[in-house]
Amino acid sequence: MKVCRQLSVFLENKPGTLARVSDALAARGINIVAFSISDAVDHGVLRMVVSNPIQAAHLLGDGGMMVVESDVLALDLPNKPGALARLAEKLSKARVNIEYAYGTTGGTRGKAQVIFKVDHVERARKALGRK
């Protein structure tokens, strides 16, 4: 488990917007490690963990986009039934709320990678046995 800096970028909900953002990051050599997109009527929220969050935040902010930074937990979980349930139970017992999460199993590999936004990062780290 590690704490990562996540960028939440508010975008117009129009064709080509994601292409422009990801192309701008790629042109600077910034890799998108994980991402999620949610939509509203007139805008979308792109949440992402990138290889260089400071540079990405400046690049996107200078491009006129609203960028909000927050700490998230990146965890590798076993890719088998019950792994998420056990993690969620540990956080629940520690009174840590999972505000949202996104992830992937990575296909047939034995691990799932999940990004969690929680209300208390340090309490979550302690509950999960990580310093």
N, C-alpha and C. Protein backbone atom coordinates (compact mmCIF):
# COMPACT_ATOMS: atom_id res chain seq x y z
N MET A 1 0.86 -1.18 0.00
CA MET A 1 0.00 0.00 0.00
C MET A 1 0.89 1.23 0.00
N LYS A 2 0.47 2.21 -0.77
CA LYS A 2 1.15 3.49 -0.71
C LYS A 2 0.15 4.62 -0.85
N VAL A 3 0.54 5.76 -0.31
CA VAL A 3 -0.28 6.95 -0.45
C VAL A 3 0.17 7.65 -1.72
N CYS A 4 -0.77 7.97 -2.58
CA CYS A 4 -0.49 8.64 -3.85
C CYS A 4 -1.24 9.96 -3.89
N ARG A 5 -0.76 10.85 -4.73
CA ARG A 5 -1.45 12.11 -4.97
C ARG A 5 -2.36 11.91 -6.17
N GLN A 6 -3.65 12.16 -5.99
CA GLN A 6 -4.62 12.04 -7.07
C GLN A 6 -5.01 13.43 -7.55
N LEU A 7 -5.19 13.56 -8.85
CA LEU A 7 -5.68 14.80 -9.43
C LEU A 7 -7.12 14.58 -9.88
N SER A 8 -8.00 15.48 -9.48
CA SER A 8 -9.38 15.49 -9.98
C SER A 8 -9.48 16.69 -10.91
N VAL A 9 -9.76 16.42 -12.16
CA VAL A 9 -9.79 17.46 -13.18
C VAL A 9 -11.21 17.59 -13.70
N PHE A 10 -11.73 18.80 -13.66
CA PHE A 10 -13.09 19.06 -14.12
C PHE A 10 -13.02 19.44 -15.60
N LEU A 11 -13.72 18.67 -16.43
CA LEU A 11 -13.63 18.79 -17.89
C LEU A 11 -15.00 19.01 -18.51
N GLU A 12 -14.98 19.63 -19.68
CA GLU A 12 -16.21 19.71 -20.46
C GLU A 12 -16.60 18.31 -20.88
N ASN A 13 -17.88 18.01 -20.86
CA ASN A 13 -18.37 16.70 -21.25
C ASN A 13 -18.64 16.72 -22.75
N LYS A 14 -17.53 16.70 -23.54
CA LYS A 14 -17.61 16.77 -25.00
C LYS A 14 -16.60 15.81 -25.62
N PRO A 15 -16.88 15.32 -26.82
CA PRO A 15 -15.93 14.45 -27.51
C PRO A 15 -14.58 15.14 -27.67
N GLY A 16 -13.52 14.39 -27.45
CA GLY A 16 -12.16 14.89 -27.67
C GLY A 16 -11.48 15.46 -26.44
N THR A 17 -12.24 15.73 -25.38
CA THR A 17 -11.64 16.35 -24.20
C THR A 17 -10.61 15.42 -23.55
N LEU A 18 -10.96 14.17 -23.33
CA LEU A 18 -10.02 13.22 -22.74
C LEU A 18 -8.79 13.04 -23.63
N ALA A 19 -8.99 13.01 -24.93
CA ALA A 19 -7.87 12.87 -25.86
C ALA A 19 -6.90 14.02 -25.71
N ARG A 20 -7.41 15.25 -25.59
CA ARG A 20 -6.53 16.42 -25.44
C ARG A 20 -5.76 16.39 -24.13
N VAL A 21 -6.43 16.01 -23.04
CA VAL A 21 -5.77 15.95 -21.74
C VAL A 21 -4.69 14.88 -21.74
N SER A 22 -5.03 13.69 -22.18
CA SER A 22 -4.05 12.60 -22.15
C SER A 22 -2.91 12.85 -23.12
N ASP A 23 -3.17 13.50 -24.24
CA ASP A 23 -2.11 13.85 -25.18
C ASP A 23 -1.16 14.88 -24.58
N ALA A 24 -1.70 15.87 -23.88
CA ALA A 24 -0.86 16.89 -23.24
C ALA A 24 0.04 16.26 -22.18
N LEU A 25 -0.50 15.32 -21.41
CA LEU A 25 0.32 14.63 -20.41
C LEU A 25 1.39 13.78 -21.08
N ALA A 26 1.02 13.06 -22.12
CA ALA A 26 1.98 12.21 -22.83
C ALA A 26 3.11 13.03 -23.44
N ALA A 27 2.78 14.21 -23.96
CA ALA A 27 3.81 15.06 -24.57
C ALA A 27 4.87 15.49 -23.55
N ARG A 28 4.50 15.53 -22.28
CA ARG A 28 5.44 15.87 -21.20
C ARG A 28 6.04 14.64 -20.53
N GLY A 29 5.72 13.45 -21.06
CA GLY A 29 6.26 12.21 -20.50
C GLY A 29 5.61 11.80 -19.20
N ILE A 30 4.39 12.28 -18.95
CA ILE A 30 3.67 11.94 -17.72
C ILE A 30 2.76 10.75 -18.01
N ASN A 31 2.96 9.68 -17.26
CA ASN A 31 2.18 8.47 -17.43
C ASN A 31 0.95 8.48 -16.53
N ILE A 32 -0.19 8.08 -17.06
CA ILE A 32 -1.40 7.91 -16.27
C ILE A 32 -1.37 6.49 -15.72
N VAL A 33 -1.27 6.37 -14.40
CA VAL A 33 -1.16 5.08 -13.74
C VAL A 33 -2.52 4.46 -13.50
N ALA A 34 -3.49 5.28 -13.12
CA ALA A 34 -4.87 4.82 -12.88
C ALA A 34 -5.79 5.99 -13.12
N PHE A 35 -7.02 5.70 -13.58
CA PHE A 35 -7.97 6.80 -13.79
C PHE A 35 -9.40 6.31 -13.71
N SER A 36 -10.27 7.27 -13.47
CA SER A 36 -11.70 7.04 -13.45
C SER A 36 -12.36 8.31 -13.96
N ILE A 37 -13.47 8.15 -14.67
CA ILE A 37 -14.21 9.31 -15.16
C ILE A 37 -15.67 9.17 -14.73
N SER A 38 -16.20 10.25 -14.18
CA SER A 38 -17.63 10.30 -13.88
C SER A 38 -18.20 11.51 -14.59
N ASP A 39 -19.48 11.47 -14.86
CA ASP A 39 -20.05 12.57 -15.63
C ASP A 39 -21.23 13.21 -14.92
N ALA A 40 -21.45 14.45 -15.28
CA ALA A 40 -22.64 15.20 -14.89
C ALA A 40 -23.21 15.72 -16.21
N VAL A 41 -24.21 16.53 -16.15
CA VAL A 41 -24.85 17.00 -17.38
C VAL A 41 -23.87 17.77 -18.27
N ASP A 42 -23.17 18.73 -17.70
CA ASP A 42 -22.34 19.61 -18.52
C ASP A 42 -20.84 19.46 -18.30
N HIS A 43 -20.42 18.58 -17.38
CA HIS A 43 -19.00 18.39 -17.16
C HIS A 43 -18.73 16.96 -16.69
N GLY A 44 -17.47 16.61 -16.75
CA GLY A 44 -17.03 15.32 -16.24
C GLY A 44 -15.91 15.55 -15.24
N VAL A 45 -15.69 14.56 -14.40
CA VAL A 45 -14.58 14.62 -13.46
C VAL A 45 -13.64 13.46 -13.78
N LEU A 46 -12.44 13.81 -14.17
CA LEU A 46 -11.39 12.84 -14.43
C LEU A 46 -10.53 12.75 -13.18
N ARG A 47 -10.57 11.60 -12.52
CA ARG A 47 -9.71 11.37 -11.36
C ARG A 47 -8.59 10.48 -11.82
N MET A 48 -7.35 10.89 -11.50
CA MET A 48 -6.23 10.09 -11.98
C MET A 48 -5.03 10.17 -11.06
N VAL A 49 -4.28 9.08 -11.05
CA VAL A 49 -2.99 9.00 -10.41
C VAL A 49 -1.99 8.97 -11.56
N VAL A 50 -1.02 9.88 -11.51
CA VAL A 50 -0.06 10.01 -12.60
C VAL A 50 1.37 9.90 -12.06
N SER A 51 2.31 9.71 -12.97
CA SER A 51 3.71 9.54 -12.58
C SER A 51 4.35 10.81 -12.02
N ASN A 52 3.84 11.97 -12.38
CA ASN A 52 4.38 13.23 -11.88
C ASN A 52 3.21 14.18 -11.59
N PRO A 53 2.58 14.05 -10.41
CA PRO A 53 1.38 14.84 -10.14
C PRO A 53 1.64 16.35 -10.05
N ILE A 54 2.79 16.76 -9.60
CA ILE A 54 3.08 18.20 -9.50
C ILE A 54 3.13 18.82 -10.89
N GLN A 55 3.90 18.21 -11.77
CA GLN A 55 4.01 18.73 -13.13
C GLN A 55 2.66 18.66 -13.85
N ALA A 56 1.93 17.57 -13.66
CA ALA A 56 0.62 17.42 -14.31
C ALA A 56 -0.37 18.48 -13.83
N ALA A 57 -0.38 18.74 -12.53
CA ALA A 57 -1.30 19.76 -11.98
C ALA A 57 -0.98 21.13 -12.56
N HIS A 58 0.30 21.46 -12.66
CA HIS A 58 0.68 22.75 -13.24
C HIS A 58 0.31 22.83 -14.71
N LEU A 59 0.58 21.78 -15.45
CA LEU A 59 0.28 21.74 -16.88
C LEU A 59 -1.21 21.94 -17.13
N LEU A 60 -2.04 21.17 -16.41
CA LEU A 60 -3.48 21.25 -16.63
C LEU A 60 -4.06 22.56 -16.09
N GLY A 61 -3.58 23.01 -14.95
CA GLY A 61 -4.04 24.28 -14.40
C GLY A 61 -3.68 25.44 -15.30
N ASP A 62 -2.46 25.43 -15.84
CA ASP A 62 -2.05 26.48 -16.78
C ASP A 62 -2.88 26.43 -18.07
N GLY A 63 -3.44 25.26 -18.37
CA GLY A 63 -4.30 25.11 -19.54
C GLY A 63 -5.74 25.52 -19.27
N GLY A 64 -5.99 26.08 -18.09
CA GLY A 64 -7.31 26.60 -17.78
C GLY A 64 -8.26 25.60 -17.14
N MET A 65 -7.75 24.43 -16.76
CA MET A 65 -8.61 23.42 -16.15
C MET A 65 -8.57 23.55 -14.63
N MET A 66 -9.69 23.27 -14.00
CA MET A 66 -9.74 23.24 -12.54
C MET A 66 -9.22 21.89 -12.07
N VAL A 67 -8.17 21.91 -11.24
CA VAL A 67 -7.54 20.69 -10.75
C VAL A 67 -7.57 20.71 -9.22
N VAL A 68 -8.05 19.64 -8.63
CA VAL A 68 -8.06 19.48 -7.18
C VAL A 68 -7.19 18.28 -6.83
N GLU A 69 -6.28 18.48 -5.89
CA GLU A 69 -5.38 17.41 -5.48
C GLU A 69 -5.84 16.81 -4.16
N SER A 70 -5.66 15.49 -4.01
CA SER A 70 -5.98 14.82 -2.76
C SER A 70 -5.13 13.56 -2.63
N ASP A 71 -4.98 13.10 -1.40
CA ASP A 71 -4.26 11.86 -1.15
C ASP A 71 -5.21 10.68 -1.25
N VAL A 72 -4.74 9.62 -1.88
CA VAL A 72 -5.50 8.38 -2.00
C VAL A 72 -4.58 7.22 -1.65
N LEU A 73 -5.16 6.08 -1.37
CA LEU A 73 -4.40 4.87 -1.10
C LEU A 73 -4.41 3.98 -2.33
N ALA A 74 -3.25 3.50 -2.72
CA ALA A 74 -3.14 2.53 -3.81
C ALA A 74 -2.77 1.20 -3.18
N LEU A 75 -3.63 0.21 -3.39
CA LEU A 75 -3.42 -1.10 -2.78
C LEU A 75 -3.45 -2.20 -3.81
N ASP A 76 -2.62 -3.20 -3.60
CA ASP A 76 -2.70 -4.43 -4.36
C ASP A 76 -3.45 -5.43 -3.49
N LEU A 77 -4.51 -6.00 -4.03
CA LEU A 77 -5.30 -7.00 -3.31
C LEU A 77 -5.23 -8.32 -4.06
N PRO A 78 -5.38 -9.42 -3.35
CA PRO A 78 -5.48 -10.70 -4.07
C PRO A 78 -6.70 -10.67 -4.98
N ASN A 79 -6.56 -11.21 -6.16
CA ASN A 79 -7.67 -11.25 -7.12
C ASN A 79 -8.49 -12.50 -6.88
N LYS A 80 -9.20 -12.50 -5.74
CA LYS A 80 -10.05 -13.64 -5.41
C LYS A 80 -11.22 -13.19 -4.56
N PRO A 81 -12.28 -13.98 -4.54
CA PRO A 81 -13.48 -13.61 -3.80
C PRO A 81 -13.18 -13.31 -2.33
N GLY A 82 -13.76 -12.22 -1.84
CA GLY A 82 -13.65 -11.86 -0.43
C GLY A 82 -12.54 -10.89 -0.09
N ALA A 83 -11.60 -10.66 -1.01
CA ALA A 83 -10.47 -9.76 -0.71
C ALA A 83 -10.95 -8.35 -0.41
N LEU A 84 -11.85 -7.84 -1.23
CA LEU A 84 -12.39 -6.50 -1.01
C LEU A 84 -13.22 -6.46 0.28
N ALA A 85 -13.98 -7.49 0.54
CA ALA A 85 -14.80 -7.54 1.75
C ALA A 85 -13.93 -7.47 3.01
N ARG A 86 -12.82 -8.21 3.03
CA ARG A 86 -11.94 -8.19 4.20
C ARG A 86 -11.32 -6.81 4.40
N LEU A 87 -10.90 -6.18 3.32
CA LEU A 87 -10.32 -4.85 3.43
C LEU A 87 -11.36 -3.85 3.91
N ALA A 88 -12.55 -3.88 3.34
CA ALA A 88 -13.62 -2.96 3.73
C ALA A 88 -14.01 -3.16 5.20
N GLU A 89 -14.00 -4.38 5.67
CA GLU A 89 -14.33 -4.66 7.07
C GLU A 89 -13.27 -4.06 8.00
N LYS A 90 -12.00 -4.20 7.66
CA LYS A 90 -10.93 -3.60 8.48
C LYS A 90 -11.10 -2.09 8.56
N LEU A 91 -11.39 -1.47 7.44
CA LEU A 91 -11.57 -0.02 7.44
C LEU A 91 -12.81 0.37 8.24
N SER A 92 -13.86 -0.40 8.12
CA SER A 92 -15.09 -0.14 8.86
C SER A 92 -14.86 -0.19 10.36
N LYS A 93 -14.15 -1.21 10.82
CA LYS A 93 -13.85 -1.35 12.25
C LYS A 93 -13.03 -0.18 12.77
N ALA A 94 -12.20 0.41 11.90
CA ALA A 94 -11.37 1.56 12.29
C ALA A 94 -12.11 2.88 12.09
N ARG A 95 -13.40 2.82 11.71
CA ARG A 95 -14.23 4.00 11.47
C ARG A 95 -13.65 4.87 10.33
N VAL A 96 -13.18 4.19 9.29
CA VAL A 96 -12.68 4.87 8.10
C VAL A 96 -13.72 4.70 7.01
N ASN A 97 -14.17 5.83 6.45
CA ASN A 97 -15.15 5.78 5.38
C ASN A 97 -14.46 5.75 4.02
N ILE A 98 -14.88 4.84 3.16
CA ILE A 98 -14.41 4.80 1.78
C ILE A 98 -15.31 5.75 1.00
N GLU A 99 -14.77 6.88 0.57
CA GLU A 99 -15.57 7.87 -0.16
C GLU A 99 -15.83 7.42 -1.59
N TYR A 100 -14.82 6.85 -2.23
CA TYR A 100 -14.98 6.23 -3.54
C TYR A 100 -13.75 5.39 -3.81
N ALA A 101 -13.84 4.54 -4.83
CA ALA A 101 -12.73 3.68 -5.20
C ALA A 101 -12.83 3.35 -6.68
N TYR A 102 -11.70 3.01 -7.27
CA TYR A 102 -11.67 2.51 -8.63
C TYR A 102 -10.47 1.59 -8.78
N GLY A 103 -10.55 0.67 -9.71
CA GLY A 103 -9.44 -0.27 -9.86
C GLY A 103 -9.66 -1.26 -10.96
N THR A 104 -8.74 -2.22 -11.00
CA THR A 104 -8.80 -3.26 -12.02
C THR A 104 -8.16 -4.53 -11.48
N THR A 105 -8.57 -5.65 -12.04
CA THR A 105 -7.94 -6.91 -11.67
C THR A 105 -6.72 -7.17 -12.53
N GLY A 106 -6.53 -6.39 -13.57
CA GLY A 106 -5.36 -6.61 -14.43
C GLY A 106 -5.44 -7.88 -15.23
N GLY A 107 -6.63 -8.36 -15.49
CA GLY A 107 -6.78 -9.57 -16.31
C GLY A 107 -6.59 -10.83 -15.48
N THR A 108 -5.71 -11.70 -15.92
CA THR A 108 -5.55 -13.00 -15.27
C THR A 108 -4.47 -13.01 -14.20
N ARG A 109 -3.80 -11.91 -13.98
CA ARG A 109 -2.77 -11.86 -12.94
C ARG A 109 -3.40 -12.13 -11.58
N GLY A 110 -2.58 -12.43 -10.60
CA GLY A 110 -3.08 -12.78 -9.28
C GLY A 110 -3.41 -11.60 -8.38
N LYS A 111 -3.24 -10.39 -8.85
CA LYS A 111 -3.48 -9.21 -8.02
C LYS A 111 -4.48 -8.27 -8.67
N ALA A 112 -5.18 -7.54 -7.82
CA ALA A 112 -6.04 -6.45 -8.26
C ALA A 112 -5.42 -5.18 -7.71
N GLN A 113 -5.41 -4.12 -8.48
CA GLN A 113 -4.94 -2.84 -7.97
C GLN A 113 -6.14 -1.93 -7.80
N VAL A 114 -6.26 -1.34 -6.60
CA VAL A 114 -7.41 -0.52 -6.29
C VAL A 114 -6.93 0.79 -5.68
N ILE A 115 -7.57 1.88 -6.10
CA ILE A 115 -7.32 3.21 -5.55
C ILE A 115 -8.51 3.55 -4.66
N PHE A 116 -8.24 3.90 -3.41
CA PHE A 116 -9.28 4.26 -2.45
C PHE A 116 -9.11 5.69 -1.99
N LYS A 117 -10.19 6.45 -2.02
CA LYS A 117 -10.24 7.77 -1.38
C LYS A 117 -10.97 7.55 -0.08
N VAL A 118 -10.27 7.79 1.02
CA VAL A 118 -10.85 7.59 2.35
C VAL A 118 -10.85 8.90 3.12
N ASP A 119 -11.66 8.94 4.17
CA ASP A 119 -11.75 10.18 4.93
C ASP A 119 -10.60 10.36 5.93
N HIS A 120 -9.90 9.29 6.29
CA HIS A 120 -8.77 9.38 7.23
C HIS A 120 -7.64 8.48 6.74
N VAL A 121 -6.69 9.04 6.00
CA VAL A 121 -5.61 8.24 5.41
C VAL A 121 -4.77 7.56 6.48
N GLU A 122 -4.33 8.29 7.49
CA GLU A 122 -3.46 7.69 8.50
C GLU A 122 -4.18 6.61 9.31
N ARG A 123 -5.43 6.82 9.64
CA ARG A 123 -6.20 5.80 10.35
C ARG A 123 -6.34 4.55 9.48
N ALA A 124 -6.54 4.75 8.18
CA ALA A 124 -6.64 3.62 7.26
C ALA A 124 -5.33 2.85 7.19
N ARG A 125 -4.23 3.56 7.12
CA ARG A 125 -2.92 2.90 7.08
C ARG A 125 -2.69 2.06 8.33
N LYS A 126 -3.06 2.60 9.47
CA LYS A 126 -2.90 1.87 10.74
C LYS A 126 -3.81 0.64 10.75
N ALA A 127 -5.05 0.79 10.31
CA ALA A 127 -6.00 -0.32 10.30
C ALA A 127 -5.55 -1.45 9.39
N LEU A 128 -4.86 -1.08 8.33
CA LEU A 128 -4.40 -2.08 7.37
C LEU A 128 -3.01 -2.59 7.70
N GLY A 129 -2.47 -2.14 8.84
CA GLY A 129 -1.16 -2.64 9.28
C GLY A 129 0.01 -2.05 8.54
N ARG A 130 -0.15 -0.85 8.00
CA ARG A 130 0.93 -0.18 7.27
C ARG A 130 1.28 1.10 8.00
N LYS A 131 2.57 1.39 8.11
CA LYS A 131 2.99 2.64 8.76
C LYS A 131 3.11 3.75 7.77
